């Protein structure tokens, strides 16, 4: 099992699984074509999850983040409505 180091838009460096061990969709190696795909990524170390940051500076759970997919609907985040309209 390999590991990759990735840098987010905000300069965080995250150790993640390697591309060879990846199962799509994956927020790092093979993101789906979701509506937030062009938004910058931000690693939430406190939640151990990736989020996408909208033009207003608000973080929204990345749809391809494994924890989001496993616990869909169970996540709560401060929201300005950007992800609801998508």
C-alpha atoms as a PDB file:
ATOM      1  CA  UNK A   1       0.000   0.000   0.000  1.00  0.00           C
ATOM      2  CA  UNK A   2       1.456   3.286  -1.073  1.00  0.00           C
ATOM      3  CA  UNK A   3       0.890   6.747   0.230  1.00  0.00           C
ATOM      4  CA  UNK A   4       0.714  10.096  -1.491  1.00  0.00           C
ATOM      5  CA  UNK A   5       1.388  13.566  -0.161  1.00  0.00           C
ATOM      6  CA  UNK A   6      -0.972  16.197  -1.496  1.00  0.00           C
ATOM      7  CA  UNK A   7      -1.070  19.924  -0.928  1.00  0.00           C
ATOM      8  CA  UNK A   8      -4.441  21.621  -0.660  1.00  0.00           C
ATOM      9  CA  UNK A   9      -5.243  25.043  -2.071  1.00  0.00           C
ATOM     10  CA  UNK A  10      -4.633  26.528   1.380  1.00  0.00           C
ATOM     11  CA  UNK A  11      -1.168  24.972   1.791  1.00  0.00           C
ATOM     12  CA  UNK A  12      -1.987  22.036   4.053  1.00  0.00           C
ATOM     13  CA  UNK A  13      -0.048  18.858   3.280  1.00  0.00           C
ATOM     14  CA  UNK A  14      -2.084  15.680   3.713  1.00  0.00           C
ATOM     15  CA  UNK A  15      -0.829  12.087   3.718  1.00  0.00           C
ATOM     16  CA  UNK A  16      -3.331   9.951   1.855  1.00  0.00           C
ATOM     17  CA  UNK A  17      -3.649   6.525   0.296  1.00  0.00           C
ATOM     18  CA  UNK A  18      -1.758   5.940  -2.927  1.00  0.00           C
ATOM     19  CA  UNK A  19      -3.394   6.230  -6.325  1.00  0.00           C
ATOM     20  CA  UNK A  20      -2.906   2.481  -6.883  1.00  0.00           C
ATOM     21  CA  UNK A  21      -5.019   1.744  -3.789  1.00  0.00           C
ATOM     22  CA  UNK A  22      -7.759   4.176  -4.739  1.00  0.00           C
ATOM     23  CA  UNK A  23     -11.375   3.332  -5.499  1.00  0.00           C
ATOM     24  CA  UNK A  24     -13.260   6.099  -7.331  1.00  0.00           C
ATOM     25  CA  UNK A  25     -14.826   8.429  -6.661  1.00  0.00           C
ATOM     26  CA  UNK A  26     -12.038   9.923  -4.583  1.00  0.00           C
ATOM     27  CA  UNK A  27     -11.639  13.557  -3.622  1.00  0.00           C
ATOM     28  CA  UNK A  28      -7.864  13.281  -4.159  1.00  0.00           C
ATOM     29  CA  UNK A  29      -7.186  10.959  -7.087  1.00  0.00           C
ATOM     30  CA  UNK A  30     -10.394  10.741  -9.113  1.00  0.00           C
ATOM     31  CA  UNK A  31     -13.076  13.234  -8.143  1.00  0.00           C
ATOM     32  CA  UNK A  32     -16.523  12.851  -9.637  1.00  0.00           C
ATOM     33  CA  UNK A  33     -18.045  15.610 -11.738  1.00  0.00           C
ATOM     34  CA  UNK A  34     -19.968  17.138  -8.834  1.00  0.00           C
ATOM     35  CA  UNK A  35     -21.064  20.807  -8.818  1.00  0.00           C
ATOM     36  CA  UNK A  36     -18.341  21.850  -6.341  1.00  0.00           C
ATOM     37  CA  UNK A  37     -15.458  20.377  -8.371  1.00  0.00           C
ATOM     38  CA  UNK A  38     -13.953  23.799  -9.140  1.00  0.00           C
ATOM     39  CA  UNK A  39     -13.990  24.975  -5.538  1.00  0.00           C
ATOM     40  CA  UNK A  40     -10.691  24.896  -3.590  1.00  0.00           C
ATOM     41  CA  UNK A  41     -10.138  21.967  -1.249  1.00  0.00           C
ATOM     42  CA  UNK A  42      -9.469  22.356   2.460  1.00  0.00           C
ATOM     43  CA  UNK A  43      -8.432  19.517   4.773  1.00  0.00           C
ATOM     44  CA  UNK A  44     -10.327  19.519   8.073  1.00  0.00           C
ATOM     45  CA  UNK A  45      -7.944  17.826  10.475  1.00  0.00           C
ATOM     46  CA  UNK A  46     -10.443  18.141  13.309  1.00  0.00           C
ATOM     47  CA  UNK A  47     -13.004  16.154  11.309  1.00  0.00           C
ATOM     48  CA  UNK A  48     -10.544  14.091   9.280  1.00  0.00           C
ATOM     49  CA  UNK A  49     -12.350  15.036   6.094  1.00  0.00           C
ATOM     50  CA  UNK A  50     -11.959  17.140   2.975  1.00  0.00           C
ATOM     51  CA  UNK A  51     -14.209  20.070   2.300  1.00  0.00           C
ATOM     52  CA  UNK A  52     -14.708  22.447  -0.622  1.00  0.00           C
ATOM     53  CA  UNK A  53     -14.654  26.186   0.029  1.00  0.00           C
ATOM     54  CA  UNK A  54     -17.239  28.301  -1.806  1.00  0.00           C
ATOM     55  CA  UNK A  55     -16.686  31.833  -3.100  1.00  0.00           C
ATOM     56  CA  UNK A  56     -17.923  33.193   0.246  1.00  0.00           C
ATOM     57  CA  UNK A  57     -15.181  31.378   2.192  1.00  0.00           C
ATOM     58  CA  UNK A  58     -17.509  28.783   3.716  1.00  0.00           C
ATOM     59  CA  UNK A  59     -16.406  25.139   3.876  1.00  0.00           C
ATOM     60  CA  UNK A  60     -18.820  22.471   2.626  1.00  0.00           C
ATOM     61  CA  UNK A  61     -18.200  18.701   2.879  1.00  0.00           C
ATOM     62  CA  UNK A  62     -16.629  17.396  -0.333  1.00  0.00           C
ATOM     63  CA  UNK A  63     -19.161  15.016  -1.950  1.00  0.00           C
ATOM     64  CA  UNK A  64     -16.381  12.555  -2.775  1.00  0.00           C
ATOM     65  CA  UNK A  65     -14.898  12.407   0.710  1.00  0.00           C
ATOM     66  CA  UNK A  66     -15.238   8.862   2.013  1.00  0.00           C
ATOM     67  CA  UNK A  67     -16.723   9.920   5.331  1.00  0.00           C
ATOM     68  CA  UNK A  68     -19.323  12.031   3.556  1.00  0.00           C
ATOM     69  CA  UNK A  69     -20.350   9.116   1.336  1.00  0.00           C
ATOM     70  CA  UNK A  70     -20.519   6.660   4.234  1.00  0.00           C
ATOM     71  CA  UNK A  71     -22.472   8.965   6.544  1.00  0.00           C
ATOM     72  CA  UNK A  72     -24.419  10.909   3.919  1.00  0.00           C
ATOM     73  CA  UNK A  73     -26.898  13.217   5.557  1.00  0.00           C
ATOM     74  CA  UNK A  74     -25.322  12.847   8.994  1.00  0.00           C
ATOM     75  CA  UNK A  75     -22.861  15.718   8.568  1.00  0.00           C
ATOM     76  CA  UNK A  76     -23.613  19.182   9.869  1.00  0.00           C
ATOM     77  CA  UNK A  77     -21.657  22.228   8.747  1.00  0.00           C
ATOM     78  CA  UNK A  78     -21.952  25.969   8.886  1.00  0.00           C
ATOM     79  CA  UNK A  79     -23.692  26.653   5.617  1.00  0.00           C
ATOM     80  CA  UNK A  80     -24.459  29.744   3.589  1.00  0.00           C
ATOM     81  CA  UNK A  81     -26.725  27.792   1.231  1.00  0.00           C
ATOM     82  CA  UNK A  82     -24.230  27.352  -1.613  1.00  0.00           C
ATOM     83  CA  UNK A  83     -24.208  23.562  -1.455  1.00  0.00           C
ATOM     84  CA  UNK A  84     -27.983  23.274  -0.994  1.00  0.00           C
ATOM     85  CA  UNK A  85     -28.658  24.962  -4.320  1.00  0.00           C
ATOM     86  CA  UNK A  86     -26.397  22.531  -6.215  1.00  0.00           C
END
